[in-house]
Amino acid sequence: MGMGYGANFAEVIEEKSVEKFCKKELAALNVALDKDDQDFGSFAQAAHATDFNHFKIGKKVIKAYEVLQYAFTKKTGLLLSLGYHDADNEGDRYDDVNGAFWCVHGMYQLTKAGKKMQKFVDRKFYVTYG
């Protein structure tokens, strides 16, 4: 089987916009990350891979992330998650994302909630090799 680049995209929301909707919950996640001695990029990799054990992510960090996700959904009607992409090793220099990024799900076909959020969320493109 041949190897090549595959197209990916994410509906990306800037952290300042996440903070606008869930300031307290985002702050709690950052405090939990600090107490667990985790950097945001490593946590985003673990969340993207749903592999918290491999990255040795503490239960308080996972809980703070889940609380943030719940609060975001409650306030916006959309789902929030973390993505991670290493453009240098798995992608291309033209990728719109590199490193950790916040993703919003439920906007592909704009729902009523998505229409309210469309000025805060941008679709970003990147490729992976495999």
Protein backbone atom coordinates (compact mmCIF):
# COMPACT_ATOMS: atom_id res chain seq x y z
CA MET A 1 0.00 0.00 0.00
CA GLY A 2 1.35 3.42 -0.94
CA MET A 3 2.02 6.27 1.43
CA GLY A 4 0.83 9.82 0.87
CA TYR A 5 -0.77 12.89 2.37
CA GLY A 6 -4.38 12.85 3.47
CA ALA A 7 -6.49 15.99 3.86
CA ASN A 8 -7.87 16.93 7.28
CA PHE A 9 -9.75 19.91 8.60
CA ALA A 10 -10.91 21.22 11.92
CA GLU A 11 -13.40 23.86 12.96
CA VAL A 12 -10.95 25.87 15.09
CA ILE A 13 -11.86 28.30 17.83
CA GLU A 14 -9.28 30.57 19.41
CA GLU A 15 -8.67 30.14 23.13
CA LYS A 16 -9.76 33.73 23.81
CA SER A 17 -13.17 32.80 22.37
CA VAL A 18 -13.35 29.65 24.50
CA GLU A 19 -12.55 31.89 27.45
CA LYS A 20 -15.39 34.24 26.47
CA PHE A 21 -17.89 31.40 26.95
CA CYS A 22 -16.23 29.42 29.76
CA LYS A 23 -13.77 31.67 31.57
CA LYS A 24 -14.03 29.96 34.96
CA GLU A 25 -13.82 26.43 33.53
CA LEU A 26 -10.86 27.24 31.27
CA ALA A 27 -9.03 28.83 34.20
CA ALA A 28 -9.72 25.71 36.29
CA LEU A 29 -8.25 23.51 33.54
CA ASN A 30 -5.10 25.65 33.42
CA VAL A 31 -4.74 25.47 37.22
CA ALA A 32 -5.17 21.68 37.10
CA LEU A 33 -2.53 21.43 34.34
CA ASP A 34 -0.09 23.50 36.41
CA LYS A 35 -0.68 21.39 39.54
CA ASP A 36 -0.21 18.20 37.49
CA ASP A 37 2.99 19.68 35.98
CA GLN A 38 1.56 19.23 32.47
CA ASP A 39 2.06 21.56 29.55
CA PHE A 40 -0.92 22.39 27.35
CA GLY A 41 0.63 20.85 24.21
CA SER A 42 1.20 17.45 25.81
CA PHE A 43 -2.30 17.48 27.23
CA ALA A 44 -3.73 18.36 23.80
CA GLN A 45 -1.82 15.42 22.27
CA ALA A 46 -3.26 13.09 24.91
CA ALA A 47 -6.79 14.45 24.48
CA HIS A 48 -6.56 14.23 20.68
CA ALA A 49 -5.35 10.64 20.91
CA THR A 50 -7.74 9.90 23.83
CA ASP A 51 -4.74 8.30 25.50
CA PHE A 52 -4.55 9.91 28.94
CA ASN A 53 -2.74 6.92 30.51
CA HIS A 54 0.18 6.96 28.06
CA PHE A 55 0.73 10.67 28.69
CA LYS A 56 0.26 10.22 32.47
CA ILE A 57 -2.51 12.80 32.75
CA GLY A 58 -3.94 13.16 36.26
CA LYS A 59 -7.61 12.58 37.06
CA LYS A 60 -8.12 16.20 38.19
CA VAL A 61 -6.92 17.46 34.79
CA ILE A 62 -9.22 15.07 32.94
CA LYS A 63 -12.14 16.11 35.15
CA ALA A 64 -11.42 19.84 34.59
CA TYR A 65 -11.34 19.20 30.82
CA GLU A 66 -14.66 17.36 30.97
CA VAL A 67 -16.23 20.17 33.04
CA LEU A 68 -15.02 22.69 30.43
CA GLN A 69 -16.46 20.60 27.61
CA TYR A 70 -19.80 20.28 29.42
CA ALA A 71 -19.98 24.01 30.15
CA PHE A 72 -19.16 24.88 26.54
CA THR A 73 -21.88 22.57 25.25
CA LYS A 74 -24.38 23.94 27.74
CA LYS A 75 -23.62 27.54 26.74
CA THR A 76 -23.28 27.08 22.96
CA GLY A 77 -25.05 23.86 21.97
CA LEU A 78 -21.79 22.69 20.34
CA LEU A 79 -19.08 20.22 21.33
CA LEU A 80 -15.55 21.34 22.26
CA SER A 81 -12.43 19.21 22.08
CA LEU A 82 -8.69 19.55 21.72
CA GLY A 83 -6.80 18.73 18.58
CA TYR A 84 -3.09 18.37 17.97
CA HIS A 85 -1.10 18.36 14.73
CA ASP A 86 2.66 18.25 14.21
CA ALA A 87 3.04 19.99 10.85
CA ASP A 88 6.81 19.51 10.86
CA ASN A 89 6.72 15.71 11.18
CA GLU A 90 3.29 14.68 9.90
CA GLY A 91 2.15 17.53 7.71
CA ASP A 92 3.21 20.34 5.48
CA ARG A 93 4.45 23.91 5.80
CA TYR A 94 1.17 25.18 4.35
CA ASP A 95 -0.96 23.70 7.15
CA ASP A 96 -3.22 26.15 8.97
CA VAL A 97 -2.64 24.45 12.32
CA ASN A 98 0.48 23.34 14.11
CA GLY A 99 0.56 22.15 17.70
CA ALA A 100 -2.45 22.30 20.01
CA PHE A 101 -5.76 23.78 18.92
CA TRP A 102 -9.37 23.91 20.13
CA CYS A 103 -11.98 22.23 17.89
CA VAL A 104 -15.71 22.85 17.75
CA HIS A 105 -17.94 20.03 16.52
CA GLY A 106 -21.45 20.35 15.22
CA MET A 107 -20.88 23.21 12.77
CA TYR A 108 -20.32 21.41 9.46
CA GLN A 109 -23.94 21.93 8.49
CA LEU A 110 -24.70 25.04 10.37
CA THR A 111 -27.16 24.31 13.10
CA LYS A 112 -29.07 27.03 14.88
CA ALA A 113 -26.33 27.05 17.54
CA GLY A 114 -23.61 26.96 14.85
CA LYS A 115 -25.04 30.03 13.13
CA LYS A 116 -24.73 31.91 16.43
CA MET A 117 -21.06 30.83 16.71
CA GLN A 118 -19.89 31.19 13.10
CA LYS A 119 -18.14 34.53 13.69
CA PHE A 120 -15.97 32.90 16.38
CA VAL A 121 -14.97 29.67 14.60
CA ASP A 122 -12.72 29.21 11.56
CA ARG A 123 -12.13 26.07 9.52
CA LYS A 124 -8.40 25.30 9.27
CA PHE A 125 -6.80 22.77 6.92
CA TYR A 126 -3.76 20.52 7.29
CA VAL A 127 -2.36 17.28 5.87
CA THR A 128 -0.93 14.16 7.44
CA TYR A 129 1.39 11.63 5.90
CA GLY A 130 0.67 7.94 6.18
